[in-house]
Amino acid sequence: MIEAATEPNTTNPPKRWIEQLPIARDRPVLGSFATLAIVAAAWLLRTIADPLLPSGFPYVTFFPAVIVTSFLFGVRLGIVSAVLCGLLAWYFFIPPAYGFVLTNGAGFALAFYVFVVATDLALVHWMQLANRHLAHERETNRRLADTREMLFRELQHRVSNNLQVAAGLLMMQKRQLSDASAKAALDEAGGRLALIGQISRQIYDPSGAAQPLIPFLDELCRSVVDASGRNDVTLLVSGDYQIRLQPDAAVPTALVVAEAVANAIEHGFARERAGRINVEVARDPAGGLDVMVRDDGHGLPANFQTDASTSLGLRIATTLARGQSGTFHLAAHEGTVATLSLPAHLLTTVK
């Protein structure tokens, strides 16, 4: 069955709190009242602390008020806050108090205040501009990533669907043949093409990251058992769940394991005999991978040699293993054990 590519998740992620600043940009009245409240709180706190402070600290609570206002509500309201705080400090806390008298000391204090708040406002403004720019770039990158994922999945599904179409054409061609061996060959070829399409849909990730091996093999092997029509075959896949398979090794490895499972069902168990297949995944002492497919079936013929076998499936499995610098062989051990050995560079382990 041909499947359509699924749409990527385009839901906008929640914004970071700092990306929402300044707040109340679309509600200036609320921002104005909040600014007045902050200025009033700074004046009240400075008034309460006045008996405890030595002379020469008229702006000790007003500087934070200006910074907080500009940080939360933007530079415009920050300027309003700076003007109000400067006037309050001048009137109440710069000698002579309770008047706007411009002495030399008051002028120096006011110039210092203007210099500090102007620097603070400029820094906050530049920080908010940079923050908005970063937020815009992050949103652009997110959209590009969504587009890449959509294109990847579309390509992936088109390839998988085309393989299924090719498998279907082989099945149609098989109906035109009368030779049993030719039909069987087309049947096997169509099944392998369909299997490659299924594997490519399962294993590849848009990020190119290595995929967990055990869940992938478990789903794959159960699909092979289901396709055989046998409901009396028990399957167990076990091993190190931390092992991941590199994407380039996915299809050949899956084909070899699927061939081993199909071979165990076809040749190990007669129709009247139930059976058990264990697929074991483990690291070898050199850091490579061993995938062992064990069955408790009839076993191998006497003097059997994997390299000398005329079975097309076994020859394909051996060739695919060698193509990855690995090996594949069958051995008799209370049934049959098929072992695929792969080098360490094809694997990664999640810590």
Protein backbone atom coordinates (compact mmCIF):
# COMPACT_ATOMS: atom_id res chain seq x y z
CA MET A 1 0.00 0.00 0.00
CA ILE A 2 1.32 3.44 -0.95
CA GLU A 3 1.45 5.85 1.96
CA ALA A 4 1.49 9.64 1.94
CA ALA A 5 4.18 11.53 3.73
CA THR A 6 3.17 12.84 7.13
CA GLU A 7 3.28 16.56 7.77
CA PRO A 8 5.97 17.72 10.19
CA ASN A 9 5.03 19.29 13.47
CA THR A 10 4.72 22.98 12.69
CA THR A 11 3.40 24.04 16.09
CA ASN A 12 5.27 27.11 17.27
CA PRO A 13 7.38 26.30 20.33
CA PRO A 14 6.79 28.43 23.44
CA LYS A 15 8.89 31.58 23.47
CA ARG A 16 11.59 32.05 26.06
CA TRP A 17 10.60 34.54 28.72
CA ILE A 18 13.32 36.99 27.72
CA GLU A 19 12.02 37.00 24.14
CA GLN A 20 8.70 38.38 25.38
CA LEU A 21 10.34 41.55 26.66
CA PRO A 22 9.48 44.37 26.67
CA ILE A 23 6.02 43.41 27.87
CA ALA A 24 2.81 45.38 27.39
CA ARG A 25 4.06 46.82 24.09
CA ASP A 26 0.51 46.74 22.73
CA ARG A 27 -0.95 48.11 26.00
CA PRO A 28 0.74 51.47 26.61
CA VAL A 29 -1.74 52.52 29.33
CA LEU A 30 -0.89 49.46 31.41
CA GLY A 31 2.83 50.08 30.89
CA SER A 32 2.45 53.72 31.91
CA PHE A 33 0.64 52.88 35.15
CA ALA A 34 3.22 50.21 35.95
CA THR A 35 6.02 52.73 35.34
CA LEU A 36 4.41 55.22 37.71
CA ALA A 37 4.01 52.49 40.31
CA ILE A 38 7.70 51.54 40.06
CA VAL A 39 8.78 55.18 40.34
CA ALA A 40 6.50 55.70 43.34
CA ALA A 41 7.86 52.55 45.00
CA ALA A 42 11.45 53.75 44.44
CA TRP A 43 10.65 57.17 45.95
CA LEU A 44 8.88 55.59 48.94
CA LEU A 45 11.75 53.19 49.58
CA ARG A 46 14.30 56.03 49.32
CA THR A 47 12.25 58.12 51.75
CA ILE A 48 12.09 55.27 54.26
CA ALA A 49 15.81 54.57 53.93
CA ASP A 50 16.82 58.27 54.08
CA PRO A 51 17.56 58.31 57.87
CA LEU A 52 19.74 55.23 57.48
CA LEU A 53 21.81 56.45 54.54
CA PRO A 54 24.75 58.85 54.63
CA SER A 55 24.58 61.96 52.48
CA GLY A 56 25.54 61.61 48.85
CA PHE A 57 23.24 58.74 47.80
CA PRO A 58 20.21 60.46 46.28
CA TYR A 59 19.75 57.92 43.48
CA VAL A 60 20.32 54.66 45.33
CA THR A 61 16.77 53.38 44.73
CA PHE A 62 16.10 55.31 41.52
CA PHE A 63 18.79 53.66 39.38
CA PRO A 64 17.22 50.20 39.81
CA ALA A 65 13.78 51.66 39.06
CA VAL A 66 14.99 53.06 35.73
CA ILE A 67 16.69 49.80 34.77
CA VAL A 68 13.69 47.63 35.73
CA THR A 69 11.26 49.91 33.88
CA SER A 70 13.28 50.00 30.67
CA PHE A 71 13.94 46.27 30.88
CA LEU A 72 10.28 45.35 31.37
CA PHE A 73 8.47 48.04 29.36
CA GLY A 74 10.99 49.35 26.86
CA VAL A 75 13.29 52.31 26.51
CA ARG A 76 10.53 54.89 25.97
CA LEU A 77 8.96 54.26 29.34
CA GLY A 78 12.47 53.87 30.72
CA ILE A 79 13.17 57.47 29.67
CA VAL A 80 9.93 58.58 31.36
CA SER A 81 11.00 56.73 34.49
CA ALA A 82 14.47 58.31 34.35
CA VAL A 83 13.04 61.83 34.09
CA LEU A 84 10.59 61.31 36.95
CA CYS A 85 13.19 59.66 39.17
CA GLY A 86 15.69 62.44 38.45
CA LEU A 87 13.17 65.14 39.35
CA LEU A 88 12.14 63.36 42.56
CA ALA A 89 15.75 62.87 43.62
CA TRP A 90 16.58 66.50 42.84
CA TYR A 91 13.59 67.86 44.75
CA PHE A 92 13.68 65.63 47.84
CA PHE A 93 17.21 64.30 48.30
CA ILE A 94 19.76 66.71 46.73
CA PRO A 95 20.58 69.60 49.04
CA PRO A 96 19.03 71.99 49.42
CA ALA A 97 16.00 69.68 49.71
CA TYR A 98 12.43 70.50 48.70
CA GLY A 99 13.33 72.69 45.81
CA PHE A 100 14.85 72.65 42.35
CA VAL A 101 17.91 74.66 43.29
CA LEU A 102 20.80 74.24 40.83
CA THR A 103 23.96 74.54 42.89
CA ASN A 104 27.37 73.32 41.79
CA GLY A 105 26.93 70.12 43.80
CA ALA A 106 23.41 69.58 42.46
CA GLY A 107 24.59 70.16 38.91
CA PHE A 108 27.41 67.65 39.29
CA ALA A 109 25.01 65.08 40.83
CA LEU A 110 22.47 65.58 38.05
CA ALA A 111 25.14 65.28 35.34
CA PHE A 112 26.34 62.05 36.93
CA TYR A 113 22.76 60.79 37.05
CA VAL A 114 22.14 61.64 33.38
CA PHE A 115 25.34 59.90 32.34
CA VAL A 116 24.53 56.69 34.28
CA VAL A 117 20.89 56.38 33.22
CA ALA A 118 21.73 57.19 29.58
CA THR A 119 24.31 54.40 29.63
CA ASP A 120 21.83 52.00 31.24
CA LEU A 121 19.09 52.87 28.76
CA ALA A 122 21.44 52.46 25.80
CA LEU A 123 22.63 49.07 27.04
CA VAL A 124 19.09 47.84 27.65
CA HIS A 125 17.98 49.10 24.24
CA TRP A 126 20.88 47.38 22.44
CA MET A 127 20.26 44.19 24.40
CA GLN A 128 16.59 44.16 23.44
CA LEU A 129 17.41 44.83 19.78
CA ALA A 130 19.90 41.94 19.79
CA ASN A 131 17.37 39.74 21.56
CA ARG A 132 14.68 40.47 18.95
CA HIS A 133 17.19 39.76 16.20
CA LEU A 134 18.12 36.44 17.79
CA ALA A 135 14.45 35.53 18.23
CA HIS A 136 13.81 36.31 14.56
CA GLU A 137 16.80 34.21 13.49
CA ARG A 138 15.67 31.35 15.72
CA GLU A 139 12.19 31.43 14.19
CA THR A 140 13.69 31.50 10.69
CA ASN A 141 15.90 28.51 11.51
CA ARG A 142 12.92 26.66 12.96
CA ARG A 143 10.94 27.19 9.77
CA LEU A 144 13.88 26.07 7.66
CA ALA A 145 14.24 22.96 9.82
CA ASP A 146 10.51 22.20 9.42
CA THR A 147 10.81 22.64 5.66
CA ARG A 148 13.87 20.37 5.53
CA GLU A 149 12.08 17.72 7.56
CA MET A 150 9.02 17.94 5.34
CA LEU A 151 11.13 17.59 2.18
CA PHE A 152 13.09 14.74 3.71
CA ARG A 153 9.98 12.82 4.69
CA GLU A 154 8.40 13.50 1.31
CA LEU A 155 11.50 12.16 -0.46
CA GLN A 156 11.69 9.22 1.90
CA HIS A 157 8.08 8.25 1.33
CA ARG A 158 8.33 8.75 -2.40
CA VAL A 159 11.31 6.40 -2.52
CA SER A 160 9.50 3.87 -0.34
CA ASN A 161 6.34 4.13 -2.42
CA ASN A 162 8.30 3.74 -5.65
CA LEU A 163 9.90 0.59 -4.28
CA GLN A 164 6.47 -0.74 -3.40
CA VAL A 165 5.25 0.08 -6.88
CA ALA A 166 8.22 -1.80 -8.34
CA ALA A 167 7.45 -4.75 -6.07
CA GLY A 168 3.82 -4.67 -7.21
CA LEU A 169 4.91 -4.66 -10.87
CA LEU A 170 7.05 -7.73 -10.27
CA MET A 171 4.07 -9.47 -8.71
CA MET A 172 1.96 -8.59 -11.76
CA GLN A 173 4.69 -9.86 -14.05
CA LYS A 174 4.79 -13.11 -12.09
CA ARG A 175 1.20 -13.82 -13.13
CA GLN A 176 2.29 -13.88 -16.77
CA LEU A 177 4.83 -16.65 -16.14
CA SER A 178 4.25 -20.36 -16.13
CA ASP A 179 7.68 -21.47 -14.94
CA ALA A 180 7.59 -22.17 -11.17
CA SER A 181 11.23 -21.20 -10.57
CA ALA A 182 10.78 -17.89 -12.40
CA LYS A 183 7.68 -17.15 -10.35
CA ALA A 184 9.56 -17.91 -7.16
CA ALA A 185 12.44 -15.65 -8.22
CA LEU A 186 10.10 -12.73 -8.95
CA ASP A 187 8.26 -13.42 -5.72
CA GLU A 188 11.50 -13.19 -3.73
CA ALA A 189 12.62 -10.06 -5.60
CA GLY A 190 9.28 -8.33 -5.00
CA GLY A 191 9.37 -9.24 -1.33
CA ARG A 192 12.87 -7.84 -0.94
CA LEU A 193 11.95 -4.58 -2.66
CA ALA A 194 8.93 -4.18 -0.40
CA LEU A 195 11.13 -4.93 2.60
CA ILE A 196 13.67 -2.27 1.56
CA GLY A 197 10.83 0.25 1.28
CA GLN A 198 9.61 -0.65 4.75
CA ILE A 199 13.11 -0.41 6.19
CA SER A 200 13.81 2.99 4.65
CA ARG A 201 10.58 4.32 6.12
CA GLN A 202 11.48 3.08 9.60
CA ILE A 203 15.18 3.71 10.00
CA TYR A 204 16.06 7.08 8.55
CA ASP A 205 15.82 10.26 10.56
CA PRO A 206 15.93 13.81 9.11
CA SER A 207 18.73 14.71 11.51
CA GLY A 208 20.88 11.86 10.22
CA ALA A 209 21.29 10.52 13.74
CA ALA A 210 22.05 6.88 14.44
CA GLN A 211 18.94 4.87 15.28
CA PRO A 212 18.27 2.48 18.20
CA LEU A 213 18.91 -1.04 16.93
CA ILE A 214 16.80 -3.25 19.22
CA PRO A 215 13.36 -1.61 18.62
CA PHE A 216 14.06 -1.46 14.90
CA LEU A 217 15.02 -5.14 14.64
CA ASP A 218 12.11 -6.17 16.84
CA GLU A 219 9.58 -4.49 14.53
CA LEU A 220 11.35 -5.76 11.43
CA CYS A 221 11.55 -9.39 12.55
CA ARG A 222 7.93 -9.43 13.66
CA SER A 223 6.95 -8.14 10.22
CA VAL A 224 8.86 -11.04 8.64
CA VAL A 225 7.13 -13.55 10.92
CA ASP A 226 3.71 -12.03 10.20
CA ALA A 227 4.39 -12.09 6.46
CA SER A 228 5.16 -15.82 6.66
CA GLY A 229 1.64 -16.54 7.84
CA ARG A 230 2.94 -18.60 10.77
CA ASN A 231 1.26 -17.97 14.11
CA ASP A 232 3.09 -20.83 15.84
CA VAL A 233 6.55 -19.22 15.72
CA THR A 234 7.67 -17.41 18.87
CA LEU A 235 10.06 -14.50 18.39
CA LEU A 236 12.24 -12.81 21.01
CA VAL A 237 14.62 -9.91 20.29
CA SER A 238 17.04 -9.06 23.09
CA GLY A 239 20.32 -7.24 23.67
CA ASP A 240 21.85 -3.92 24.60
CA TYR A 241 19.26 -1.19 24.08
CA GLN A 242 21.99 1.48 24.08
CA ILE A 243 23.44 0.28 20.77
CA ARG A 244 22.55 2.43 17.77
CA LEU A 245 23.08 1.69 14.12
CA GLN A 246 24.51 4.22 11.68
CA PRO A 247 21.98 5.12 8.93
CA ASP A 248 24.25 3.91 6.09
CA ALA A 249 24.36 0.44 7.64
CA ALA A 250 20.62 0.20 8.29
CA VAL A 251 19.29 -1.29 5.06
CA PRO A 252 21.99 -3.95 4.48
CA THR A 253 21.95 -5.01 8.14
CA ALA A 254 18.16 -5.23 8.18
CA LEU A 255 18.11 -7.26 4.96
CA VAL A 256 20.63 -9.74 6.37
CA VAL A 257 18.71 -10.18 9.63
CA ALA A 258 15.38 -10.45 7.79
CA GLU A 259 16.90 -13.07 5.48
CA ALA A 260 18.13 -15.06 8.48
CA VAL A 261 14.70 -14.96 10.17
CA ALA A 262 12.90 -15.90 6.94
CA ASN A 263 15.39 -18.73 6.35
CA ALA A 264 14.80 -20.06 9.87
CA ILE A 265 11.03 -20.09 9.32
CA GLU A 266 11.22 -21.65 5.86
CA HIS A 267 13.87 -24.29 6.45
CA GLY A 268 13.93 -24.73 10.22
CA PHE A 269 10.28 -25.41 10.95
CA ALA A 270 7.99 -27.71 9.06
CA ARG A 271 4.38 -26.64 8.70
CA GLU A 272 3.28 -29.01 11.43
CA ARG A 273 6.01 -27.98 13.85
CA ALA A 274 6.02 -24.87 16.07
CA GLY A 275 9.30 -23.16 16.76
CA ARG A 276 11.17 -20.42 18.54
CA ILE A 277 13.51 -17.76 17.13
CA ASN A 278 15.80 -15.68 19.34
CA VAL A 279 17.51 -12.61 17.91
CA GLU A 280 20.38 -11.52 20.17
CA VAL A 281 22.33 -8.28 19.77
CA ALA A 282 25.63 -7.83 21.63
CA ARG A 283 29.02 -6.17 21.43
CA ASP A 284 31.93 -8.42 20.63
CA PRO A 285 35.27 -8.12 22.52
CA ALA A 286 36.69 -5.86 19.79
CA GLY A 287 33.80 -3.40 20.10
CA GLY A 288 31.97 -4.59 16.99
CA LEU A 289 28.47 -5.98 16.74
CA ASP A 290 27.20 -9.56 16.66
CA VAL A 291 23.59 -10.19 15.68
CA MET A 292 22.73 -13.86 16.25
CA VAL A 293 19.51 -15.41 14.96
CA ARG A 294 18.96 -18.71 16.79
CA ASP A 295 16.20 -21.18 16.04
CA ASP A 296 15.35 -24.57 17.50
CA GLY A 297 14.45 -26.07 14.14
CA HIS A 298 15.74 -29.04 12.14
CA GLY A 299 19.29 -27.73 11.91
CA LEU A 300 21.70 -27.72 8.96
CA PRO A 301 22.51 -30.56 6.59
CA ALA A 302 25.71 -32.47 7.21
CA ASN A 303 28.89 -30.77 5.96
CA PHE A 304 27.01 -27.52 5.29
CA GLN A 305 29.14 -24.51 4.35
CA THR A 306 27.70 -21.01 4.05
CA ASP A 307 30.05 -19.92 1.25
CA ALA A 308 29.30 -23.02 -0.78
CA SER A 309 25.52 -22.69 -0.51
CA THR A 310 23.54 -22.19 -3.73
CA SER A 311 20.74 -20.34 -1.90
CA LEU A 312 20.26 -16.87 -3.39
CA GLY A 313 19.17 -15.48 -0.05
CA LEU A 314 22.30 -16.71 1.72
CA ARG A 315 24.51 -15.39 -1.05
CA ILE A 316 22.83 -11.99 -0.79
CA ALA A 317 23.26 -11.99 3.00
CA THR A 318 26.94 -12.91 2.70
CA THR A 319 27.54 -10.23 0.06
CA LEU A 320 25.77 -7.53 2.08
CA ALA A 321 27.78 -8.43 5.19
CA ARG A 322 31.07 -8.27 3.29
CA GLY A 323 30.02 -4.93 1.82
CA GLN A 324 30.05 -3.54 5.36
CA SER A 325 33.41 -5.18 6.17
CA GLY A 326 31.55 -7.80 8.18
CA THR A 327 30.83 -11.51 8.00
CA PHE A 328 27.77 -13.76 7.90
CA HIS A 329 27.71 -17.47 8.51
CA LEU A 330 25.44 -20.29 9.62
CA ALA A 331 26.30 -22.91 12.22
CA ALA A 332 24.49 -25.86 13.79
CA HIS A 333 23.80 -25.57 17.52
CA GLU A 334 20.60 -27.13 18.87
CA GLY A 335 19.04 -25.96 15.65
CA THR A 336 20.69 -23.25 13.56
CA VAL A 337 22.56 -20.09 14.52
CA ALA A 338 22.98 -17.35 11.90
CA THR A 339 25.58 -14.76 12.95
CA LEU A 340 26.11 -11.34 11.41
CA SER A 341 29.30 -9.63 12.63
CA LEU A 342 29.87 -5.93 11.91
CA PRO A 343 32.84 -3.65 12.68
CA ALA A 344 32.71 -1.10 15.48
CA HIS A 345 32.70 2.02 13.26
CA LEU A 346 29.13 1.30 12.16
CA LEU A 347 27.81 1.62 15.71
CA THR A 348 27.40 4.20 18.41
CA THR A 349 26.40 3.76 22.02
CA VAL A 350 24.21 6.20 23.91
CA LYS A 351 25.61 6.98 27.33
